[in-house]
Amino acid sequence: MYGGALLIREVTRRTGRGWRTIVVLAPAFGVLQEALLTQSLFNPDYYRADLPNVGFVPSLGIAIPWTIFVLSLHTYWSIGTPIAWTRPINSLTYSSSENRSTARPSTRTSAACRAVGNPRAWPCE
């Protein structure tokens, strides 16, 4: 499962919430991923593809069509689909037979790998 999807799923499960929380957190993850890590939202020369040039709004520094595409891509495909495939829709919360502490080490490990695992997030010389 995608690292961001795993973290969003765990936050949703631990707080006892459902799909509304996932739909709120997924675009936030998309902004984090595309604005800070891959930098495709604000970089006009992103992989020399001229993606931000179509529909560019200078006052915001983003291209509206690209931003909508990327945020919907992360919301539905990067986050929503892996969660839906791994858990039934109505069983995001813990059942009484599950132990909440069993997922904590893997969640921490996943968060650490996510923090250092994207080489584009590292400063370049």
C-alpha atoms as a PDB file:
ATOM      1  CA  MET A   1       0.000   0.000   0.000  1.00  0.00           C
ATOM      2  CA  TYR A   2       1.139   3.522  -0.787  1.00  0.00           C
ATOM      3  CA  GLY A   3       2.832   5.189   2.227  1.00  0.00           C
ATOM      4  CA  GLY A   4       0.478   8.165   2.310  1.00  0.00           C
ATOM      5  CA  ALA A   5      -2.548   5.879   2.035  1.00  0.00           C
ATOM      6  CA  LEU A   6      -1.265   3.771   4.918  1.00  0.00           C
ATOM      7  CA  LEU A   7      -0.806   6.798   7.166  1.00  0.00           C
ATOM      8  CA  ILE A   8      -4.191   8.278   6.267  1.00  0.00           C
ATOM      9  CA  ARG A   9      -5.869   4.920   6.826  1.00  0.00           C
ATOM     10  CA  GLU A  10      -4.253   4.531  10.237  1.00  0.00           C
ATOM     11  CA  VAL A  11      -5.201   8.060  11.319  1.00  0.00           C
ATOM     12  CA  THR A  12      -8.759   7.399  10.203  1.00  0.00           C
ATOM     13  CA  ARG A  13      -8.941   4.073  12.012  1.00  0.00           C
ATOM     14  CA  ARG A  14      -7.372   5.342  15.240  1.00  0.00           C
ATOM     15  CA  THR A  15      -9.736   8.309  15.473  1.00  0.00           C
ATOM     16  CA  GLY A  16     -12.750   6.100  14.760  1.00  0.00           C
ATOM     17  CA  ARG A  17     -13.770   8.030  11.671  1.00  0.00           C
ATOM     18  CA  GLY A  18     -14.660   6.974   8.143  1.00  0.00           C
ATOM     19  CA  TRP A  19     -14.473   7.967   4.513  1.00  0.00           C
ATOM     20  CA  ARG A  20     -15.166  11.645   5.106  1.00  0.00           C
ATOM     21  CA  THR A  21     -11.872  11.918   6.960  1.00  0.00           C
ATOM     22  CA  ILE A  22     -10.067  10.117   4.155  1.00  0.00           C
ATOM     23  CA  VAL A  23     -11.577  12.469   1.561  1.00  0.00           C
ATOM     24  CA  VAL A  24     -10.394  15.476   3.622  1.00  0.00           C
ATOM     25  CA  LEU A  25      -6.885  14.142   4.316  1.00  0.00           C
ATOM     26  CA  ALA A  26      -6.206  12.848   0.789  1.00  0.00           C
ATOM     27  CA  PRO A  27      -6.145  16.276  -0.930  1.00  0.00           C
ATOM     28  CA  ALA A  28      -3.998  17.574   1.918  1.00  0.00           C
ATOM     29  CA  PHE A  29      -1.591  14.737   1.173  1.00  0.00           C
ATOM     30  CA  GLY A  30      -1.746  15.650  -2.515  1.00  0.00           C
ATOM     31  CA  VAL A  31      -0.764  19.233  -1.738  1.00  0.00           C
ATOM     32  CA  LEU A  32       2.084  18.029   0.484  1.00  0.00           C
ATOM     33  CA  GLN A  33       3.287  15.566  -2.135  1.00  0.00           C
ATOM     34  CA  GLU A  34       3.027  17.773  -5.206  1.00  0.00           C
ATOM     35  CA  ALA A  35       3.862  21.179  -3.711  1.00  0.00           C
ATOM     36  CA  LEU A  36       6.682  20.259  -1.350  1.00  0.00           C
ATOM     37  CA  LEU A  37       8.129  16.911  -2.391  1.00  0.00           C
ATOM     38  CA  THR A  38       7.867  16.683  -6.175  1.00  0.00           C
ATOM     39  CA  GLN A  39       7.329  20.444  -6.576  1.00  0.00           C
ATOM     40  CA  SER A  40       5.138  20.041  -9.651  1.00  0.00           C
ATOM     41  CA  LEU A  41       2.560  22.639  -8.584  1.00  0.00           C
ATOM     42  CA  PHE A  42       4.912  25.627  -8.537  1.00  0.00           C
ATOM     43  CA  ASN A  43       7.737  24.621 -10.858  1.00  0.00           C
ATOM     44  CA  PRO A  44       7.085  25.853 -14.428  1.00  0.00           C
ATOM     45  CA  ASP A  45       9.927  23.649 -15.732  1.00  0.00           C
ATOM     46  CA  TYR A  46       8.764  20.448 -14.030  1.00  0.00           C
ATOM     47  CA  TYR A  47      10.398  17.659 -16.059  1.00  0.00           C
ATOM     48  CA  ARG A  48      10.360  20.047 -19.023  1.00  0.00           C
ATOM     49  CA  ALA A  49       6.709  19.108 -19.602  1.00  0.00           C
ATOM     50  CA  ASP A  50       5.252  22.644 -19.346  1.00  0.00           C
ATOM     51  CA  LEU A  51       2.482  21.279 -17.150  1.00  0.00           C
ATOM     52  CA  PRO A  52       1.932  24.445 -15.093  1.00  0.00           C
ATOM     53  CA  ASN A  53       1.849  26.678 -18.183  1.00  0.00           C
ATOM     54  CA  VAL A  54      -1.706  25.779 -19.257  1.00  0.00           C
ATOM     55  CA  GLY A  55      -4.235  27.702 -17.168  1.00  0.00           C
ATOM     56  CA  PHE A  56      -1.530  29.417 -15.143  1.00  0.00           C
ATOM     57  CA  VAL A  57      -2.735  32.004 -12.594  1.00  0.00           C
ATOM     58  CA  PRO A  58       0.214  34.323 -11.802  1.00  0.00           C
ATOM     59  CA  SER A  59      -1.234  35.648  -8.535  1.00  0.00           C
ATOM     60  CA  LEU A  60      -1.477  32.102  -7.132  1.00  0.00           C
ATOM     61  CA  GLY A  61       1.625  30.755  -8.832  1.00  0.00           C
ATOM     62  CA  ILE A  62      -0.185  27.577  -9.935  1.00  0.00           C
ATOM     63  CA  ALA A  63      -1.994  26.211 -12.955  1.00  0.00           C
ATOM     64  CA  ILE A  64      -5.606  25.489 -12.040  1.00  0.00           C
ATOM     65  CA  PRO A  65      -6.137  22.504 -14.431  1.00  0.00           C
ATOM     66  CA  TRP A  66      -2.920  20.805 -13.311  1.00  0.00           C
ATOM     67  CA  THR A  67      -3.734  21.399  -9.631  1.00  0.00           C
ATOM     68  CA  ILE A  68      -7.240  19.940  -9.971  1.00  0.00           C
ATOM     69  CA  PHE A  69      -5.886  16.947 -11.889  1.00  0.00           C
ATOM     70  CA  VAL A  70      -3.125  16.207  -9.383  1.00  0.00           C
ATOM     71  CA  LEU A  71      -5.303  16.624  -6.288  1.00  0.00           C
ATOM     72  CA  SER A  72      -8.058  14.422  -7.712  1.00  0.00           C
ATOM     73  CA  LEU A  73      -5.456  11.864  -8.776  1.00  0.00           C
ATOM     74  CA  HIS A  74      -4.108  11.634  -5.227  1.00  0.00           C
ATOM     75  CA  THR A  75      -7.557  11.730  -3.619  1.00  0.00           C
ATOM     76  CA  TYR A  76      -9.092   8.928  -5.647  1.00  0.00           C
ATOM     77  CA  TRP A  77      -6.258   6.797  -7.011  1.00  0.00           C
ATOM     78  CA  SER A  78      -3.293   7.226  -4.669  1.00  0.00           C
ATOM     79  CA  ILE A  79      -5.262   7.231  -1.418  1.00  0.00           C
ATOM     80  CA  GLY A  80      -8.876   6.153  -1.880  1.00  0.00           C
ATOM     81  CA  THR A  81      -8.379   3.144  -4.127  1.00  0.00           C
ATOM     82  CA  PRO A  82      -5.662   1.381  -2.076  1.00  0.00           C
ATOM     83  CA  ILE A  83      -7.687   1.858   1.116  1.00  0.00           C
ATOM     84  CA  ALA A  84     -10.843   0.549  -0.551  1.00  0.00           C
ATOM     85  CA  TRP A  85      -8.977  -2.486  -1.881  1.00  0.00           C
ATOM     86  CA  THR A  86      -7.415  -3.407   1.443  1.00  0.00           C
ATOM     87  CA  ARG A  87     -10.349  -2.784   3.774  1.00  0.00           C
ATOM     88  CA  PRO A  88     -14.094  -3.020   3.273  1.00  0.00           C
ATOM     89  CA  ILE A  89     -15.708   0.423   3.275  1.00  0.00           C
ATOM     90  CA  ASN A  90     -17.685  -0.148   6.472  1.00  0.00           C
ATOM     91  CA  SER A  91     -14.796  -1.553   8.533  1.00  0.00           C
ATOM     92  CA  LEU A  92     -12.312   1.303   8.886  1.00  0.00           C
ATOM     93  CA  THR A  93     -12.760   1.516  12.643  1.00  0.00           C
ATOM     94  CA  TYR A  94     -11.260  -1.058  14.979  1.00  0.00           C
ATOM     95  CA  SER A  95     -13.417  -3.972  15.948  1.00  0.00           C
ATOM     96  CA  SER A  96     -13.510  -5.089  19.554  1.00  0.00           C
ATOM     97  CA  SER A  97     -11.271  -8.084  18.768  1.00  0.00           C
ATOM     98  CA  GLU A  98      -8.439  -5.981  17.278  1.00  0.00           C
ATOM     99  CA  ASN A  99      -5.588  -4.711  19.378  1.00  0.00           C
ATOM    100  CA  ARG A 100      -4.781  -1.066  18.664  1.00  0.00           C
ATOM    101  CA  SER A 101      -1.134  -1.482  19.605  1.00  0.00           C
ATOM    102  CA  THR A 102      -0.393  -4.034  16.880  1.00  0.00           C
ATOM    103  CA  ALA A 103      -0.295  -1.420  14.097  1.00  0.00           C
ATOM    104  CA  ARG A 104       1.806   1.182  15.876  1.00  0.00           C
ATOM    105  CA  PRO A 105       5.322  -0.056  15.066  1.00  0.00           C
ATOM    106  CA  SER A 106       4.499  -0.462  11.378  1.00  0.00           C
ATOM    107  CA  THR A 107       2.883   2.978  11.271  1.00  0.00           C
ATOM    108  CA  ARG A 108       5.953   4.575  12.833  1.00  0.00           C
ATOM    109  CA  THR A 109       8.224   2.700  10.457  1.00  0.00           C
ATOM    110  CA  SER A 110       6.129   3.751   7.483  1.00  0.00           C
ATOM    111  CA  ALA A 111       6.156   7.385   8.619  1.00  0.00           C
ATOM    112  CA  ALA A 112       9.941   7.334   8.986  1.00  0.00           C
ATOM    113  CA  CYS A 113      10.405   5.736   5.567  1.00  0.00           C
ATOM    114  CA  ARG A 114       8.050   8.285   4.055  1.00  0.00           C
ATOM    115  CA  ALA A 115       9.977  11.158   5.611  1.00  0.00           C
ATOM    116  CA  VAL A 116      13.370  10.080   4.270  1.00  0.00           C
ATOM    117  CA  GLY A 117      12.385   7.911   1.319  1.00  0.00           C
ATOM    118  CA  ASN A 118      11.752  10.554  -1.291  1.00  0.00           C
ATOM    119  CA  PRO A 119      15.129  11.620  -2.727  1.00  0.00           C
ATOM    120  CA  ARG A 120      13.513  14.647  -4.401  1.00  0.00           C
ATOM    121  CA  ALA A 121      12.797  16.051  -0.953  1.00  0.00           C
ATOM    122  CA  TRP A 122      16.494  16.112  -0.097  1.00  0.00           C
ATOM    123  CA  PRO A 123      18.403  19.340  -0.733  1.00  0.00           C
ATOM    124  CA  CYS A 124      20.426  19.202  -3.927  1.00  0.00           C
ATOM    125  CA  GLU A 125      23.740  20.864  -4.516  1.00  0.00           C
END
